[in-house]
Amino acid sequence: MMNKKLQKAFNDQINKELYSEYLYLAMKIYFQEQNLQGFANWFDVQVQEEHAHAMGMFDYMNERGGKLQLEAIEKPVVEGDTPLTIFEHVLRHEEFVTSRINALMDVAEDVRDRAALSFLDWYLKEQVEEEANVGRLLATLRLIGDDKKALFMLDKDLATRTFVAPIIG
């Protein structure tokens, strides 16, 4: 049976992961409206990844006998009106998610749940990768500046991204 404090922290994080899915879906819609289908595809993959992250925690809690409690998902707000400013928002959001994973690990440490710490190690490594990927995209967008041809080329590159289901844990 899972510690109640840890259960609450996992339930809170599942909500944050589902919010991330919802936020990236809103960003996908923005890019579809801008006719930047490659960017929309990039966010579609993010939507699928965030869903997989939430379900990984969901399944883990279920496996451990934790009590799952779904709460309302906050309405997403897309900050920015250009690819650059939206990806700056994405980086801030990923940094927030990293801070929440760290806080969840703190709870697991406090209650001395080594199995949870081992499980959450994958999520921490995933966040390092997420922040790095967004950072590279931001660097490219800054380099592009107002060059529409370069933006078009980046959009074409982002259209090739595919979702690969993660093996969590």
N, C-alpha and C. Protein backbone atom coordinates (compact mmCIF):
# COMPACT_ATOMS: atom_id res chain seq x y z
N MET A 1 0.84 -1.19 0.00
CA MET A 1 0.00 0.00 0.00
C MET A 1 0.88 1.25 0.00
N MET A 2 0.47 2.21 -0.73
CA MET A 2 1.23 3.44 -0.87
C MET A 2 0.95 4.41 0.28
N ASN A 3 1.97 5.09 0.73
CA ASN A 3 1.84 6.13 1.74
C ASN A 3 0.85 7.19 1.25
N LYS A 4 -0.04 7.68 2.13
CA LYS A 4 -1.07 8.64 1.74
C LYS A 4 -0.50 9.96 1.24
N LYS A 5 0.57 10.42 1.86
CA LYS A 5 1.21 11.67 1.42
C LYS A 5 1.77 11.49 0.00
N LEU A 6 2.35 10.34 -0.25
CA LEU A 6 2.90 10.06 -1.57
C LEU A 6 1.78 9.88 -2.60
N GLN A 7 0.69 9.24 -2.19
CA GLN A 7 -0.47 9.11 -3.08
C GLN A 7 -0.95 10.46 -3.55
N LYS A 8 -1.09 11.40 -2.61
CA LYS A 8 -1.56 12.74 -2.96
C LYS A 8 -0.59 13.40 -3.92
N ALA A 9 0.69 13.27 -3.67
CA ALA A 9 1.69 13.89 -4.54
C ALA A 9 1.64 13.28 -5.94
N PHE A 10 1.46 11.97 -6.03
CA PHE A 10 1.33 11.33 -7.35
C PHE A 10 0.06 11.80 -8.06
N ASN A 11 -1.05 11.85 -7.34
CA ASN A 11 -2.29 12.33 -7.95
C ASN A 11 -2.14 13.76 -8.45
N ASP A 12 -1.47 14.60 -7.68
CA ASP A 12 -1.23 15.98 -8.11
C ASP A 12 -0.38 16.01 -9.38
N GLN A 13 0.63 15.15 -9.44
CA GLN A 13 1.51 15.13 -10.61
C GLN A 13 0.79 14.58 -11.83
N ILE A 14 -0.06 13.60 -11.65
CA ILE A 14 -0.86 13.10 -12.77
C ILE A 14 -1.68 14.25 -13.35
N ASN A 15 -2.26 15.07 -12.47
CA ASN A 15 -3.03 16.23 -12.92
C ASN A 15 -2.14 17.19 -13.71
N LYS A 16 -0.92 17.40 -13.25
CA LYS A 16 0.02 18.31 -13.94
C LYS A 16 0.38 17.74 -15.32
N GLU A 17 0.56 16.43 -15.40
CA GLU A 17 0.88 15.81 -16.69
C GLU A 17 -0.29 15.93 -17.66
N LEU A 18 -1.51 15.74 -17.14
CA LEU A 18 -2.69 15.88 -17.99
C LEU A 18 -2.89 17.35 -18.40
N TYR A 19 -2.55 18.28 -17.50
CA TYR A 19 -2.59 19.70 -17.87
C TYR A 19 -1.60 19.97 -19.00
N SER A 20 -0.42 19.37 -18.91
CA SER A 20 0.59 19.55 -19.96
C SER A 20 0.06 19.05 -21.29
N GLU A 21 -0.61 17.91 -21.26
CA GLU A 21 -1.22 17.37 -22.48
C GLU A 21 -2.22 18.38 -23.06
N TYR A 22 -3.03 18.94 -22.19
CA TYR A 22 -4.06 19.90 -22.58
C TYR A 22 -3.42 21.20 -23.11
N LEU A 23 -2.37 21.67 -22.44
CA LEU A 23 -1.67 22.88 -22.87
C LEU A 23 -1.07 22.69 -24.26
N TYR A 24 -0.43 21.55 -24.47
CA TYR A 24 0.20 21.31 -25.77
C TYR A 24 -0.84 21.09 -26.86
N LEU A 25 -2.00 20.60 -26.50
CA LEU A 25 -3.09 20.49 -27.46
C LEU A 25 -3.55 21.90 -27.88
N ALA A 26 -3.62 22.81 -26.93
CA ALA A 26 -3.99 24.20 -27.25
C ALA A 26 -2.93 24.84 -28.15
N MET A 27 -1.67 24.53 -27.91
CA MET A 27 -0.60 25.07 -28.74
C MET A 27 -0.65 24.46 -30.14
N LYS A 28 -1.00 23.20 -30.24
CA LYS A 28 -1.18 22.56 -31.54
C LYS A 28 -2.25 23.30 -32.34
N ILE A 29 -3.35 23.61 -31.68
CA ILE A 29 -4.44 24.34 -32.34
C ILE A 29 -3.93 25.68 -32.86
N TYR A 30 -3.16 26.40 -32.04
CA TYR A 30 -2.61 27.69 -32.46
C TYR A 30 -1.82 27.53 -33.76
N PHE A 31 -0.93 26.54 -33.80
CA PHE A 31 -0.08 26.37 -34.99
C PHE A 31 -0.88 25.87 -36.20
N GLN A 32 -1.91 25.09 -35.97
CA GLN A 32 -2.78 24.71 -37.09
C GLN A 32 -3.43 25.96 -37.67
N GLU A 33 -3.88 26.85 -36.81
CA GLU A 33 -4.50 28.10 -37.27
C GLU A 33 -3.52 28.99 -38.03
N GLN A 34 -2.23 28.87 -37.73
CA GLN A 34 -1.19 29.65 -38.41
C GLN A 34 -0.69 28.95 -39.68
N ASN A 35 -1.27 27.79 -39.97
CA ASN A 35 -0.87 26.96 -41.12
C ASN A 35 0.60 26.54 -41.03
N LEU A 36 1.04 26.29 -39.81
CA LEU A 36 2.38 25.74 -39.58
C LEU A 36 2.19 24.30 -39.11
N GLN A 37 1.95 23.43 -40.07
CA GLN A 37 1.58 22.04 -39.78
C GLN A 37 2.72 21.25 -39.15
N GLY A 38 3.96 21.59 -39.45
CA GLY A 38 5.09 20.92 -38.82
C GLY A 38 5.15 21.22 -37.33
N PHE A 39 4.96 22.50 -36.98
CA PHE A 39 4.90 22.88 -35.57
C PHE A 39 3.71 22.17 -34.90
N ALA A 40 2.57 22.14 -35.59
CA ALA A 40 1.39 21.44 -35.05
C ALA A 40 1.72 19.97 -34.80
N ASN A 41 2.46 19.36 -35.72
CA ASN A 41 2.86 17.96 -35.55
C ASN A 41 3.78 17.82 -34.33
N TRP A 42 4.72 18.75 -34.15
CA TRP A 42 5.61 18.69 -33.00
C TRP A 42 4.79 18.66 -31.71
N PHE A 43 3.77 19.51 -31.65
CA PHE A 43 2.93 19.56 -30.45
C PHE A 43 2.04 18.33 -30.34
N ASP A 44 1.63 17.77 -31.46
CA ASP A 44 0.85 16.53 -31.42
C ASP A 44 1.66 15.42 -30.75
N VAL A 45 2.94 15.34 -31.08
CA VAL A 45 3.81 14.35 -30.44
C VAL A 45 3.93 14.66 -28.94
N GLN A 46 4.04 15.94 -28.60
CA GLN A 46 4.11 16.31 -27.18
C GLN A 46 2.84 15.90 -26.44
N VAL A 47 1.69 16.10 -27.07
CA VAL A 47 0.41 15.70 -26.47
C VAL A 47 0.45 14.21 -26.14
N GLN A 48 0.89 13.41 -27.09
CA GLN A 48 0.95 11.95 -26.88
C GLN A 48 1.95 11.59 -25.78
N GLU A 49 3.09 12.29 -25.75
CA GLU A 49 4.08 12.02 -24.71
C GLU A 49 3.54 12.34 -23.33
N GLU A 50 2.90 13.51 -23.20
CA GLU A 50 2.37 13.90 -21.89
C GLU A 50 1.29 12.93 -21.42
N HIS A 51 0.48 12.46 -22.35
CA HIS A 51 -0.54 11.47 -22.00
C HIS A 51 0.13 10.18 -21.50
N ALA A 52 1.17 9.76 -22.20
CA ALA A 52 1.90 8.56 -21.78
C ALA A 52 2.53 8.76 -20.41
N HIS A 53 3.04 9.95 -20.13
CA HIS A 53 3.64 10.23 -18.82
C HIS A 53 2.58 10.11 -17.72
N ALA A 54 1.41 10.71 -17.96
CA ALA A 54 0.34 10.63 -16.96
C ALA A 54 -0.10 9.19 -16.75
N MET A 55 -0.26 8.46 -17.83
CA MET A 55 -0.72 7.08 -17.71
C MET A 55 0.34 6.18 -17.07
N GLY A 56 1.61 6.50 -17.27
CA GLY A 56 2.67 5.75 -16.60
C GLY A 56 2.54 5.87 -15.09
N MET A 57 2.28 7.09 -14.62
CA MET A 57 2.09 7.30 -13.18
C MET A 57 0.79 6.67 -12.71
N PHE A 58 -0.24 6.78 -13.52
CA PHE A 58 -1.54 6.17 -13.21
C PHE A 58 -1.37 4.67 -13.01
N ASP A 59 -0.72 4.02 -13.97
CA ASP A 59 -0.51 2.58 -13.89
C ASP A 59 0.36 2.19 -12.70
N TYR A 60 1.39 3.00 -12.43
CA TYR A 60 2.28 2.74 -11.30
C TYR A 60 1.50 2.79 -9.99
N MET A 61 0.70 3.82 -9.82
CA MET A 61 -0.10 3.93 -8.59
C MET A 61 -1.06 2.75 -8.45
N ASN A 62 -1.68 2.39 -9.54
CA ASN A 62 -2.61 1.26 -9.52
C ASN A 62 -1.88 -0.02 -9.12
N GLU A 63 -0.71 -0.21 -9.69
CA GLU A 63 0.10 -1.40 -9.40
C GLU A 63 0.51 -1.45 -7.92
N ARG A 64 0.73 -0.28 -7.34
CA ARG A 64 1.17 -0.20 -5.94
C ARG A 64 0.01 -0.16 -4.96
N GLY A 65 -1.22 -0.21 -5.46
CA GLY A 65 -2.38 -0.16 -4.59
C GLY A 65 -2.73 1.24 -4.12
N GLY A 66 -2.26 2.24 -4.85
CA GLY A 66 -2.58 3.62 -4.49
C GLY A 66 -4.00 3.99 -4.89
N LYS A 67 -4.56 4.96 -4.19
CA LYS A 67 -5.91 5.43 -4.51
C LYS A 67 -5.80 6.58 -5.51
N LEU A 68 -6.29 6.33 -6.71
CA LEU A 68 -6.25 7.33 -7.77
C LEU A 68 -7.43 8.28 -7.63
N GLN A 69 -7.15 9.56 -7.72
CA GLN A 69 -8.20 10.58 -7.65
C GLN A 69 -7.94 11.63 -8.73
N LEU A 70 -8.82 11.65 -9.71
CA LEU A 70 -8.69 12.63 -10.78
C LEU A 70 -9.39 13.93 -10.38
N GLU A 71 -8.72 15.02 -10.59
CA GLU A 71 -9.26 16.35 -10.29
C GLU A 71 -9.48 17.10 -11.61
N ALA A 72 -10.15 18.23 -11.53
CA ALA A 72 -10.37 19.06 -12.71
C ALA A 72 -9.03 19.51 -13.28
N ILE A 73 -8.97 19.58 -14.60
CA ILE A 73 -7.78 20.06 -15.28
C ILE A 73 -7.99 21.53 -15.61
N GLU A 74 -7.06 22.34 -15.18
CA GLU A 74 -7.14 23.78 -15.42
C GLU A 74 -7.16 24.10 -16.91
N LYS A 75 -7.90 25.13 -17.29
CA LYS A 75 -7.96 25.57 -18.68
C LYS A 75 -6.57 26.09 -19.08
N PRO A 76 -6.04 25.60 -20.21
CA PRO A 76 -4.70 26.04 -20.62
C PRO A 76 -4.72 27.46 -21.20
N VAL A 77 -3.65 28.18 -20.94
CA VAL A 77 -3.47 29.51 -21.50
C VAL A 77 -2.18 29.49 -22.30
N VAL A 78 -2.28 29.76 -23.60
CA VAL A 78 -1.11 29.82 -24.47
C VAL A 78 -0.54 31.22 -24.38
N GLU A 79 0.67 31.32 -23.88
CA GLU A 79 1.34 32.62 -23.77
C GLU A 79 2.23 32.80 -24.98
N GLY A 80 2.03 33.89 -25.69
CA GLY A 80 2.85 34.20 -26.85
C GLY A 80 2.02 34.24 -28.11
N ASP A 81 2.58 34.88 -29.12
CA ASP A 81 1.88 35.00 -30.40
C ASP A 81 2.81 34.82 -31.59
N THR A 82 3.97 34.24 -31.31
CA THR A 82 4.92 33.87 -32.36
C THR A 82 5.50 32.52 -31.98
N PRO A 83 6.07 31.80 -32.95
CA PRO A 83 6.72 30.54 -32.56
C PRO A 83 7.76 30.75 -31.46
N LEU A 84 8.54 31.81 -31.53
CA LEU A 84 9.56 32.05 -30.52
C LEU A 84 8.95 32.24 -29.14
N THR A 85 7.96 33.12 -29.02
CA THR A 85 7.40 33.38 -27.69
C THR A 85 6.62 32.18 -27.15
N ILE A 86 6.03 31.40 -28.03
CA ILE A 86 5.33 30.20 -27.57
C ILE A 86 6.34 29.17 -27.06
N PHE A 87 7.46 29.02 -27.74
CA PHE A 87 8.47 28.07 -27.26
C PHE A 87 9.17 28.57 -26.00
N GLU A 88 9.24 29.87 -25.81
CA GLU A 88 9.72 30.38 -24.52
C GLU A 88 8.76 29.94 -23.42
N HIS A 89 7.46 29.98 -23.70
CA HIS A 89 6.46 29.50 -22.76
C HIS A 89 6.63 27.99 -22.51
N VAL A 90 6.88 27.24 -23.58
CA VAL A 90 7.08 25.80 -23.44
C VAL A 90 8.26 25.52 -22.50
N LEU A 91 9.36 26.25 -22.68
CA LEU A 91 10.52 26.03 -21.81
C LEU A 91 10.18 26.34 -20.35
N ARG A 92 9.49 27.45 -20.11
CA ARG A 92 9.09 27.77 -18.73
C ARG A 92 8.21 26.66 -18.17
N HIS A 93 7.31 26.15 -18.99
CA HIS A 93 6.42 25.08 -18.53
C HIS A 93 7.21 23.81 -18.21
N GLU A 94 8.13 23.43 -19.09
CA GLU A 94 8.93 22.22 -18.83
C GLU A 94 9.78 22.39 -17.58
N GLU A 95 10.30 23.58 -17.34
CA GLU A 95 11.06 23.84 -16.11
C GLU A 95 10.15 23.69 -14.89
N PHE A 96 8.89 24.14 -15.02
CA PHE A 96 7.92 23.97 -13.93
C PHE A 96 7.67 22.48 -13.69
N VAL A 97 7.47 21.72 -14.76
CA VAL A 97 7.23 20.28 -14.61
C VAL A 97 8.43 19.62 -13.93
N THR A 98 9.63 20.01 -14.31
CA THR A 98 10.83 19.47 -13.67
C THR A 98 10.80 19.76 -12.16
N SER A 99 10.42 20.98 -11.81
CA SER A 99 10.36 21.32 -10.38
C SER A 99 9.33 20.47 -9.66
N ARG A 100 8.23 20.13 -10.32
CA ARG A 100 7.19 19.30 -9.71
C ARG A 100 7.65 17.84 -9.58
N ILE A 101 8.39 17.35 -10.56
CA ILE A 101 8.95 15.98 -10.44
C ILE A 101 9.92 15.94 -9.27
N ASN A 102 10.76 16.98 -9.16
CA ASN A 102 11.68 17.05 -8.03
C ASN A 102 10.93 17.07 -6.70
N ALA A 103 9.83 17.82 -6.64
CA ALA A 103 9.04 17.88 -5.40
C ALA A 103 8.41 16.52 -5.09
N LEU A 104 7.97 15.82 -6.12
CA LEU A 104 7.41 14.47 -5.93
C LEU A 104 8.50 13.53 -5.41
N MET A 105 9.69 13.66 -5.95
CA MET A 105 10.81 12.83 -5.47
C MET A 105 11.14 13.17 -4.02
N ASP A 106 11.02 14.46 -3.66
CA ASP A 106 11.25 14.86 -2.26
C ASP A 106 10.28 14.14 -1.33
N VAL A 107 9.02 14.04 -1.74
CA VAL A 107 8.03 13.33 -0.91
C VAL A 107 8.40 11.86 -0.81
N ALA A 108 8.78 11.26 -1.93
CA ALA A 108 9.19 9.84 -1.91
C ALA A 108 10.38 9.64 -0.98
N GLU A 109 11.31 10.60 -0.97
CA GLU A 109 12.46 10.51 -0.05
C GLU A 109 11.99 10.64 1.39
N ASP A 110 11.10 11.61 1.64
CA ASP A 110 10.60 11.84 3.00
C ASP A 110 9.94 10.60 3.58
N VAL A 111 9.18 9.88 2.76
CA VAL A 111 8.48 8.69 3.26
C VAL A 111 9.30 7.41 3.05
N ARG A 112 10.53 7.60 2.55
CA ARG A 112 11.49 6.50 2.36
C ARG A 112 10.94 5.40 1.45
N ASP A 113 10.35 5.83 0.33
CA ASP A 113 9.80 4.89 -0.64
C ASP A 113 10.79 4.77 -1.80
N ARG A 114 11.70 3.79 -1.66
CA ARG A 114 12.75 3.63 -2.66
C ARG A 114 12.22 3.15 -4.01
N ALA A 115 11.15 2.39 -4.00
CA ALA A 115 10.55 1.94 -5.26
C ALA A 115 10.04 3.14 -6.05
N ALA A 116 9.40 4.08 -5.37
CA ALA A 116 8.91 5.29 -6.04
C ALA A 116 10.08 6.11 -6.57
N LEU A 117 11.14 6.23 -5.78
CA LEU A 117 12.31 6.98 -6.24
C LEU A 117 12.91 6.35 -7.50
N SER A 118 12.99 5.04 -7.50
CA SER A 118 13.52 4.34 -8.67
C SER A 118 12.63 4.60 -9.88
N PHE A 119 11.33 4.51 -9.68
CA PHE A 119 10.37 4.75 -10.76
C PHE A 119 10.49 6.19 -11.28
N LEU A 120 10.58 7.14 -10.37
CA LEU A 120 10.61 8.56 -10.75
C LEU A 120 11.91 8.99 -11.39
N ASP A 121 12.95 8.20 -11.23
CA ASP A 121 14.23 8.52 -11.87
C ASP A 121 14.07 8.65 -13.39
N TRP A 122 13.24 7.80 -13.99
CA TRP A 122 13.00 7.89 -15.43
C TRP A 122 12.40 9.25 -15.80
N TYR A 123 11.45 9.72 -14.99
CA TYR A 123 10.79 11.00 -15.26
C TYR A 123 11.78 12.15 -15.16
N LEU A 124 12.67 12.10 -14.21
CA LEU A 124 13.67 13.15 -14.06
C LEU A 124 14.58 13.20 -15.28
N LYS A 125 15.02 12.04 -15.74
CA LYS A 125 15.86 11.99 -16.95
C LYS A 125 15.08 12.48 -18.17
N GLU A 126 13.81 12.15 -18.24
CA GLU A 126 12.96 12.61 -19.34
C GLU A 126 12.85 14.13 -19.34
N GLN A 127 12.75 14.73 -18.17
CA GLN A 127 12.67 16.19 -18.09
C GLN A 127 13.95 16.86 -18.55
N VAL A 128 15.09 16.28 -18.24
CA VAL A 128 16.36 16.83 -18.74
C VAL A 128 16.35 16.84 -20.26
N GLU A 129 15.88 15.74 -20.85
CA GLU A 129 15.78 15.64 -22.31
C GLU A 129 14.78 16.64 -22.87
N GLU A 130 13.62 16.77 -22.23
CA GLU A 130 12.59 17.71 -22.70
C GLU A 130 13.12 19.14 -22.71
N GLU A 131 13.75 19.56 -21.61
CA GLU A 131 14.29 20.92 -21.54
C GLU A 131 15.36 21.14 -22.59
N ALA A 132 16.21 20.16 -22.82
CA ALA A 132 17.27 20.29 -23.82
C ALA A 132 16.69 20.41 -25.23
N ASN A 133 15.68 19.59 -25.54
CA ASN A 133 15.06 19.65 -26.86
C ASN A 133 14.41 21.00 -27.12
N VAL A 134 13.70 21.49 -26.14
CA VAL A 134 13.05 22.80 -26.29
C VAL A 134 14.12 23.89 -26.38
N GLY A 135 15.17 23.77 -25.61
CA GLY A 135 16.27 24.75 -25.67
C GLY A 135 16.90 24.82 -27.05
N ARG A 136 17.08 23.66 -27.68
CA ARG A 136 17.65 23.65 -29.05
C ARG A 136 16.69 24.30 -30.04
N LEU A 137 15.41 24.01 -29.90
CA LEU A 137 14.42 24.65 -30.78
C LEU A 137 14.40 26.16 -30.58
N LEU A 138 14.48 26.59 -29.34
CA LEU A 138 14.53 28.03 -29.05
C LEU A 138 15.75 28.68 -29.68
N ALA A 139 16.89 28.03 -29.58
CA ALA A 139 18.12 28.57 -30.19
C ALA A 139 17.94 28.71 -31.70
N THR A 140 17.33 27.72 -32.32
CA THR A 140 17.08 27.77 -33.77
C THR A 140 16.12 28.90 -34.10
N LEU A 141 15.05 29.04 -33.33
CA LEU A 141 14.08 30.11 -33.58
C LEU A 141 14.72 31.49 -33.41
N ARG A 142 15.61 31.63 -32.44
CA ARG A 142 16.31 32.91 -32.26
C ARG A 142 17.23 33.18 -33.44
N LEU A 143 17.87 32.16 -33.94
CA LEU A 143 18.75 32.30 -35.10
C LEU A 143 17.95 32.70 -36.34
N ILE A 144 16.79 32.10 -36.50
CA ILE A 144 15.92 32.38 -37.64
C ILE A 144 15.44 33.83 -37.64
N GLY A 145 15.09 34.33 -36.46
CA GLY A 145 14.57 35.69 -36.39
C GLY A 145 13.30 35.83 -37.22
N ASP A 146 13.28 36.81 -38.12
CA ASP A 146 12.11 37.08 -38.96
C ASP A 146 12.19 36.44 -40.33
N ASP A 147 13.13 35.53 -40.53
CA ASP A 147 13.33 34.90 -41.84
C ASP A 147 12.23 33.86 -42.09
N LYS A 148 11.26 34.23 -42.94
CA LYS A 148 10.11 33.35 -43.22
C LYS A 148 10.53 32.07 -43.94
N LYS A 149 11.54 32.16 -44.80
CA LYS A 149 12.00 30.95 -45.50
C LYS A 149 12.61 29.96 -44.52
N ALA A 150 13.38 30.45 -43.58
CA ALA A 150 13.99 29.58 -42.58
C ALA A 150 12.90 28.98 -41.68
N LEU A 151 11.88 29.78 -41.35
CA LEU A 151 10.77 29.27 -40.55
C LEU A 151 10.05 28.16 -41.29
N PHE A 152 9.86 28.35 -42.59
CA PHE A 152 9.22 27.34 -43.43
C PHE A 152 10.05 26.05 -43.43
N MET A 153 11.37 26.18 -43.52
CA MET A 153 12.24 25.00 -43.51
C MET A 153 12.16 24.28 -42.16
N LEU A 154 12.16 25.04 -41.07
CA LEU A 154 12.03 24.43 -39.74
C LEU A 154 10.68 23.72 -39.62
N ASP A 155 9.63 24.35 -40.13
CA ASP A 155 8.31 23.74 -40.09
C ASP A 155 8.33 22.39 -40.81
N LYS A 156 8.99 22.34 -41.94
CA LYS A 156 9.10 21.07 -42.69
C LYS A 156 9.85 20.02 -41.87
N ASP A 157 10.92 20.44 -41.19
CA ASP A 157 11.68 19.51 -40.34
C ASP A 157 10.82 18.97 -39.19
N LEU A 158 10.04 19.86 -38.57
CA LEU A 158 9.23 19.45 -37.43
C LEU A 158 8.10 18.51 -37.84
N ALA A 159 7.74 18.55 -39.12
CA ALA A 159 6.68 17.66 -39.62
C ALA A 159 7.11 16.20 -39.63
N THR A 160 8.41 15.94 -39.54
CA THR A 160 8.90 14.56 -39.61
C THR A 160 8.95 13.88 -38.24
N ARG A 161 8.72 14.64 -37.16
CA ARG A 161 8.78 14.07 -35.82
C ARG A 161 7.65 13.06 -35.63
N THR A 162 7.98 11.93 -35.02
CA THR A 162 6.97 10.91 -34.75
C THR A 162 6.98 10.54 -33.27
N PHE A 163 5.86 10.04 -32.82
CA PHE A 163 5.73 9.60 -31.43
C PHE A 163 6.24 8.17 -31.30
N VAL A 164 7.10 7.97 -30.32
CA VAL A 164 7.55 6.64 -29.96
C VAL A 164 7.15 6.44 -28.50
N ALA A 165 6.30 5.46 -28.27
CA ALA A 165 5.81 5.23 -26.91
C ALA A 165 6.99 4.94 -25.98
N PRO A 166 7.06 5.69 -24.88
CA PRO A 166 8.17 5.49 -23.95
C PRO A 166 8.01 4.22 -23.13
N ILE A 167 9.14 3.68 -22.73
CA ILE A 167 9.14 2.56 -21.79
C ILE A 167 9.48 3.19 -20.44
N ILE A 168 8.47 3.38 -19.63
CA ILE A 168 8.60 4.14 -18.37
C ILE A 168 8.96 3.19 -17.25
N GLY A 169 9.90 3.68 -16.45
CA GLY A 169 10.22 2.94 -15.24
C GLY A 169 11.46 2.15 -15.30
